[in-house]
């Protein structure tokens, strides 16, 4: 399974996720190990997942 997202969403886990949260660069964090999405700022993000040759993209509005 491969996750991708817009520039304003960080995808990852561990120490990188912790650094991304404090960087102020992202509207949201997606932990690709747990599937948890955490909103940090208002705005819109896109998440995309590819698995078994299929791709699904979702736009999410954070209010």
PDB file of N, CA and C in Angstrom:
ATOM      1  N   UNK A   1       0.852  -1.167   0.000  1.00  0.00           N
ATOM      2  CA  UNK A   1       0.000   0.000   0.000  1.00  0.00           C
ATOM      3  C   UNK A   1       0.900   1.233   0.000  1.00  0.00           C
ATOM      4  N   UNK A   2       0.620   2.165  -0.905  1.00  0.00           N
ATOM      5  CA  UNK A   2       1.402   3.392  -1.028  1.00  0.00           C
ATOM      6  C   UNK A   2       0.495   4.597  -0.806  1.00  0.00           C
ATOM      7  N   UNK A   3       0.876   5.469   0.133  1.00  0.00           N
ATOM      8  CA  UNK A   3       0.126   6.686   0.429  1.00  0.00           C
ATOM      9  C   UNK A   3       0.831   7.898  -0.148  1.00  0.00           C
ATOM     10  N   UNK A   4       0.052   8.823  -0.697  1.00  0.00           N
ATOM     11  CA  UNK A   4       0.556  10.105  -1.187  1.00  0.00           C
ATOM     12  C   UNK A   4      -0.427  11.178  -0.751  1.00  0.00           C
ATOM     13  N   UNK A   5       0.035  12.415  -0.761  1.00  0.00           N
ATOM     14  CA  UNK A   5      -0.850  13.502  -0.366  1.00  0.00           C
ATOM     15  C   UNK A   5      -0.402  14.834  -0.926  1.00  0.00           C
ATOM     16  N   UNK A   6      -1.245  15.828  -0.729  1.00  0.00           N
ATOM     17  CA  UNK A   6      -0.900  17.182  -1.147  1.00  0.00           C
ATOM     18  C   UNK A   6       0.276  17.685  -0.319  1.00  0.00           C
ATOM     19  N   UNK A   7       0.873  18.788  -0.760  1.00  0.00           N
ATOM     20  CA  UNK A   7       2.072  19.315  -0.097  1.00  0.00           C
ATOM     21  C   UNK A   7       1.829  19.725   1.351  1.00  0.00           C
ATOM     22  N   UNK A   8       0.568  19.991   1.712  1.00  0.00           N
ATOM     23  CA  UNK A   8       0.270  20.461   3.068  1.00  0.00           C
ATOM     24  C   UNK A   8      -0.127  19.343   4.026  1.00  0.00           C
ATOM     25  N   UNK A   9       0.068  18.097   3.630  1.00  0.00           N
ATOM     26  CA  UNK A   9      -0.164  16.970   4.533  1.00  0.00           C
ATOM     27  C   UNK A   9       1.110  16.133   4.598  1.00  0.00           C
ATOM     28  N   UNK A  10       1.538  15.832   5.825  1.00  0.00           N
ATOM     29  CA  UNK A  10       2.714  14.991   6.024  1.00  0.00           C
ATOM     30  C   UNK A  10       2.254  13.550   6.160  1.00  0.00           C
ATOM     31  N   UNK A  11       2.920  12.654   5.462  1.00  0.00           N
ATOM     32  CA  UNK A  11       2.626  11.224   5.552  1.00  0.00           C
ATOM     33  C   UNK A  11       3.873  10.524   6.053  1.00  0.00           C
ATOM     34  N   UNK A  12       3.747   9.846   7.175  1.00  0.00           N
ATOM     35  CA  UNK A  12       4.879   9.143   7.755  1.00  0.00           C
ATOM     36  C   UNK A  12       4.576   8.737   9.179  1.00  0.00           C
ATOM     37  N   UNK A  13       5.618   8.363   9.910  1.00  0.00           N
ATOM     38  CA  UNK A  13       5.446   7.914  11.298  1.00  0.00           C
ATOM     39  C   UNK A  13       6.735   8.149  12.080  1.00  0.00           C
ATOM     40  N   UNK A  14       6.675   7.826  13.350  1.00  0.00           N
ATOM     41  CA  UNK A  14       7.856   7.900  14.201  1.00  0.00           C
ATOM     42  C   UNK A  14       8.356   9.310  14.436  1.00  0.00           C
ATOM     43  N   UNK A  15       9.671   9.446  14.513  1.00  0.00           N
ATOM     44  CA  UNK A  15      10.296  10.740  14.798  1.00  0.00           C
ATOM     45  C   UNK A  15      10.022  11.762  13.701  1.00  0.00           C
ATOM     46  N   UNK A  16       9.938  11.305  12.456  1.00  0.00           N
ATOM     47  CA  UNK A  16       9.637  12.224  11.346  1.00  0.00           C
ATOM     48  C   UNK A  16       8.266  12.865  11.535  1.00  0.00           C
ATOM     49  N   UNK A  17       7.304  12.091  11.991  1.00  0.00           N
ATOM     50  CA  UNK A  17       5.953  12.602  12.246  1.00  0.00           C
ATOM     51  C   UNK A  17       5.983  13.644  13.359  1.00  0.00           C
ATOM     52  N   UNK A  18       6.742  13.384  14.401  1.00  0.00           N
ATOM     53  CA  UNK A  18       6.870  14.324  15.518  1.00  0.00           C
ATOM     54  C   UNK A  18       7.503  15.633  15.050  1.00  0.00           C
ATOM     55  N   UNK A  19       8.541  15.552  14.244  1.00  0.00           N
ATOM     56  CA  UNK A  19       9.180  16.761  13.712  1.00  0.00           C
ATOM     57  C   UNK A  19       8.232  17.528  12.797  1.00  0.00           C
ATOM     58  N   UNK A  20       7.479  16.821  11.987  1.00  0.00           N
ATOM     59  CA  UNK A  20       6.530  17.469  11.070  1.00  0.00           C
ATOM     60  C   UNK A  20       5.461  18.232  11.846  1.00  0.00           C
ATOM     61  N   UNK A  21       5.018  17.666  12.969  1.00  0.00           N
ATOM     62  CA  UNK A  21       3.976  18.321  13.771  1.00  0.00           C
ATOM     63  C   UNK A  21       4.458  19.652  14.332  1.00  0.00           C
ATOM     64  N   UNK A  22       5.710  19.739  14.718  1.00  0.00           N
ATOM     65  CA  UNK A  22       6.231  20.975  15.304  1.00  0.00           C
ATOM     66  C   UNK A  22       6.778  21.952  14.266  1.00  0.00           C
ATOM     67  N   UNK A  23       6.836  21.541  13.007  1.00  0.00           N
ATOM     68  CA  UNK A  23       7.431  22.385  11.965  1.00  0.00           C
ATOM     69  C   UNK A  23       6.545  23.556  11.557  1.00  0.00           C
ATOM     70  N   UNK A  24       5.234  23.426  11.726  1.00  0.00           N
ATOM     71  CA  UNK A  24       4.316  24.474  11.304  1.00  0.00           C
ATOM     72  C   UNK A  24       4.055  24.499   9.807  1.00  0.00           C
ATOM     73  N   UNK A  25       4.553  23.513   9.065  1.00  0.00           N
ATOM     74  CA  UNK A  25       4.432  23.487   7.606  1.00  0.00           C
ATOM     75  C   UNK A  25       3.166  22.795   7.099  1.00  0.00           C
ATOM     76  N   UNK A  26       2.502  22.031   7.947  1.00  0.00           N
ATOM     77  CA  UNK A  26       1.446  21.139   7.468  1.00  0.00           C
ATOM     78  C   UNK A  26       0.086  21.462   8.079  1.00  0.00           C
ATOM     79  N   UNK A  27      -0.960  21.239   7.269  1.00  0.00           N
ATOM     80  CA  UNK A  27      -2.332  21.384   7.741  1.00  0.00           C
ATOM     81  C   UNK A  27      -2.794  20.114   8.448  1.00  0.00           C
ATOM     82  N   UNK A  28      -2.157  18.984   8.103  1.00  0.00           N
ATOM     83  CA  UNK A  28      -2.545  17.703   8.703  1.00  0.00           C
ATOM     84  C   UNK A  28      -1.381  16.724   8.660  1.00  0.00           C
ATOM     85  N   UNK A  29      -1.471  15.735   9.529  1.00  0.00           N
ATOM     86  CA  UNK A  29      -0.500  14.645   9.574  1.00  0.00           C
ATOM     87  C   UNK A  29      -1.246  13.337   9.368  1.00  0.00           C
ATOM     88  N   UNK A  30      -0.699  12.462   8.541  1.00  0.00           N
ATOM     89  CA  UNK A  30      -1.283  11.135   8.363  1.00  0.00           C
ATOM     90  C   UNK A  30      -0.239  10.101   8.748  1.00  0.00           C
ATOM     91  N   UNK A  31      -0.544   9.323   9.783  1.00  0.00           N
ATOM     92  CA  UNK A  31       0.359   8.266  10.230  1.00  0.00           C
ATOM     93  C   UNK A  31       0.062   7.038   9.375  1.00  0.00           C
ATOM     94  N   UNK A  32       0.969   6.715   8.473  1.00  0.00           N
ATOM     95  CA  UNK A  32       0.731   5.607   7.558  1.00  0.00           C
ATOM     96  C   UNK A  32       0.846   4.237   8.227  1.00  0.00           C
ATOM     97  N   UNK A  33       1.337   4.183   9.442  1.00  0.00           N
ATOM     98  CA  UNK A  33       1.406   2.908  10.179  1.00  0.00           C
ATOM     99  C   UNK A  33       0.100   2.607  10.912  1.00  0.00           C
ATOM    100  N   UNK A  34      -0.555   3.663  11.452  1.00  0.00           N
ATOM    101  CA  UNK A  34      -1.779   3.474  12.235  1.00  0.00           C
ATOM    102  C   UNK A  34      -3.049   3.876  11.495  1.00  0.00           C
ATOM    103  N   UNK A  35      -2.910   4.662  10.420  1.00  0.00           N
ATOM    104  CA  UNK A  35      -4.076   5.153   9.691  1.00  0.00           C
ATOM    105  C   UNK A  35      -4.712   6.381  10.321  1.00  0.00           C
ATOM    106  N   UNK A  36      -4.062   6.970  11.332  1.00  0.00           N
ATOM    107  CA  UNK A  36      -4.613   8.138  12.023  1.00  0.00           C
ATOM    108  C   UNK A  36      -4.321   9.411  11.239  1.00  0.00           C
ATOM    109  N   UNK A  37      -5.352  10.230  11.051  1.00  0.00           N
ATOM    110  CA  UNK A  37      -5.235  11.543  10.426  1.00  0.00           C
ATOM    111  C   UNK A  37      -5.442  12.584  11.507  1.00  0.00           C
ATOM    112  N   UNK A  38      -4.498  13.497  11.667  1.00  0.00           N
ATOM    113  CA  UNK A  38      -4.569  14.531  12.693  1.00  0.00           C
ATOM    114  C   UNK A  38      -4.573  15.902  12.025  1.00  0.00           C
ATOM    115  N   UNK A  39      -5.627  16.683  12.265  1.00  0.00           N
ATOM    116  CA  UNK A  39      -5.738  18.028  11.716  1.00  0.00           C
ATOM    117  C   UNK A  39      -4.935  18.999  12.570  1.00  0.00           C
ATOM    118  N   UNK A  40      -4.194  19.894  11.914  1.00  0.00           N
ATOM    119  CA  UNK A  40      -3.400  20.894  12.618  1.00  0.00           C
ATOM    120  C   UNK A  40      -3.855  22.315  12.304  1.00  0.00           C
ATOM    121  N   UNK A  41      -4.353  22.546  11.084  1.00  0.00           N
ATOM    122  CA  UNK A  41      -4.774  23.872  10.634  1.00  0.00           C
ATOM    123  C   UNK A  41      -6.008  23.716   9.752  1.00  0.00           C
ATOM    124  N   UNK A  42      -6.750  24.800   9.585  1.00  0.00           N
ATOM    125  CA  UNK A  42      -7.865  24.764   8.651  1.00  0.00           C
ATOM    126  C   UNK A  42      -7.334  24.761   7.219  1.00  0.00           C
ATOM    127  N   UNK A  43      -8.136  24.224   6.330  1.00  0.00           N
ATOM    128  CA  UNK A  43      -7.760  24.182   4.920  1.00  0.00           C
ATOM    129  C   UNK A  43      -8.175  22.868   4.296  1.00  0.00           C
ATOM    130  N   UNK A  44      -7.765  22.667   3.068  1.00  0.00           N
ATOM    131  CA  UNK A  44      -8.074  21.430   2.361  1.00  0.00           C
ATOM    132  C   UNK A  44      -6.820  20.625   2.109  1.00  0.00           C
ATOM    133  N   UNK A  45      -6.960  19.309   2.169  1.00  0.00           N
ATOM    134  CA  UNK A  45      -5.852  18.401   1.866  1.00  0.00           C
ATOM    135  C   UNK A  45      -6.352  17.310   0.935  1.00  0.00           C
ATOM    136  N   UNK A  46      -5.441  16.654   0.275  1.00  0.00           N
ATOM    137  CA  UNK A  46      -5.756  15.484  -0.541  1.00  0.00           C
ATOM    138  C   UNK A  46      -4.939  14.313  -0.041  1.00  0.00           C
ATOM    139  N   UNK A  47      -5.573  13.165   0.056  1.00  0.00           N
ATOM    140  CA  UNK A  47      -4.887  11.914   0.364  1.00  0.00           C
ATOM    141  C   UNK A  47      -5.173  10.937  -0.761  1.00  0.00           C
ATOM    142  N   UNK A  48      -4.157  10.168  -1.114  1.00  0.00           N
ATOM    143  CA  UNK A  48      -4.298   9.174  -2.171  1.00  0.00           C
ATOM    144  C   UNK A  48      -3.661   7.879  -1.699  1.00  0.00           C
ATOM    145  N   UNK A  49      -4.324   6.768  -1.964  1.00  0.00           N
ATOM    146  CA  UNK A  49      -3.771   5.462  -1.626  1.00  0.00           C
ATOM    147  C   UNK A  49      -3.794   4.597  -2.876  1.00  0.00           C
ATOM    148  N   UNK A  50      -2.704   3.845  -3.049  1.00  0.00           N
ATOM    149  CA  UNK A  50      -2.616   2.912  -4.159  1.00  0.00           C
ATOM    150  C   UNK A  50      -2.350   1.523  -3.603  1.00  0.00           C
ATOM    151  N   UNK A  51      -3.182   0.572  -4.010  1.00  0.00           N
ATOM    152  CA  UNK A  51      -3.025  -0.808  -3.559  1.00  0.00           C
ATOM    153  C   UNK A  51      -3.624  -1.743  -4.603  1.00  0.00           C
ATOM    154  N   UNK A  52      -2.981  -2.846  -4.841  1.00  0.00           N
ATOM    155  CA  UNK A  52      -3.468  -3.865  -5.784  1.00  0.00           C
ATOM    156  C   UNK A  52      -3.811  -3.279  -7.142  1.00  0.00           C
ATOM    157  N   UNK A  53      -3.014  -2.327  -7.611  1.00  0.00           N
ATOM    158  CA  UNK A  53      -3.217  -1.743  -8.914  1.00  0.00           C
ATOM    159  C   UNK A  53      -4.348  -0.741  -9.010  1.00  0.00           C
ATOM    160  N   UNK A  54      -4.963  -0.412  -7.887  1.00  0.00           N
ATOM    161  CA  UNK A  54      -6.053   0.560  -7.872  1.00  0.00           C
ATOM    162  C   UNK A  54      -5.637   1.782  -7.059  1.00  0.00           C
ATOM    163  N   UNK A  55      -6.162   2.956  -7.428  1.00  0.00           N
ATOM    164  CA  UNK A  55      -5.854   4.205  -6.746  1.00  0.00           C
ATOM    165  C   UNK A  55      -7.152   4.884  -6.341  1.00  0.00           C
ATOM    166  N   UNK A  56      -7.182   5.408  -5.137  1.00  0.00           N
ATOM    167  CA  UNK A  56      -8.329   6.165  -4.638  1.00  0.00           C
ATOM    168  C   UNK A  56      -7.806   7.461  -4.041  1.00  0.00           C
ATOM    169  N   UNK A  57      -8.395   8.593  -4.441  1.00  0.00           N
ATOM    170  CA  UNK A  57      -8.009   9.902  -3.919  1.00  0.00           C
ATOM    171  C   UNK A  57      -9.197  10.525  -3.218  1.00  0.00           C
ATOM    172  N   UNK A  58      -8.925  11.211  -2.111  1.00  0.00           N
ATOM    173  CA  UNK A  58      -9.975  11.859  -1.331  1.00  0.00           C
ATOM    174  C   UNK A  58      -9.532  13.273  -0.959  1.00  0.00           C
ATOM    175  N   UNK A  59     -10.411  14.236  -1.191  1.00  0.00           N
ATOM    176  CA  UNK A  59     -10.190  15.604  -0.737  1.00  0.00           C
ATOM    177  C   UNK A  59     -10.881  15.768   0.605  1.00  0.00           C
ATOM    178  N   UNK A  60     -10.178  16.337   1.573  1.00  0.00           N
ATOM    179  CA  UNK A  60     -10.709  16.519   2.921  1.00  0.00           C
ATOM    180  C   UNK A  60     -10.608  17.992   3.273  1.00  0.00           C
ATOM    181  N   UNK A  61     -11.705  18.570   3.760  1.00  0.00           N
ATOM    182  CA  UNK A  61     -11.719  19.971   4.188  1.00  0.00           C
ATOM    183  C   UNK A  61     -11.636  19.995   5.711  1.00  0.00           C
ATOM    184  N   UNK A  62     -10.652  20.701   6.232  1.00  0.00           N
ATOM    185  CA  UNK A  62     -10.468  20.840   7.686  1.00  0.00           C
ATOM    186  C   UNK A  62     -11.013  22.195   8.088  1.00  0.00           C
ATOM    187  N   UNK A  63     -12.009  22.198   8.949  1.00  0.00           N
ATOM    188  CA  UNK A  63     -12.632  23.453   9.384  1.00  0.00           C
ATOM    189  C   UNK A  63     -12.272  23.775  10.819  1.00  0.00           C
TER     190      UNK A  63
END
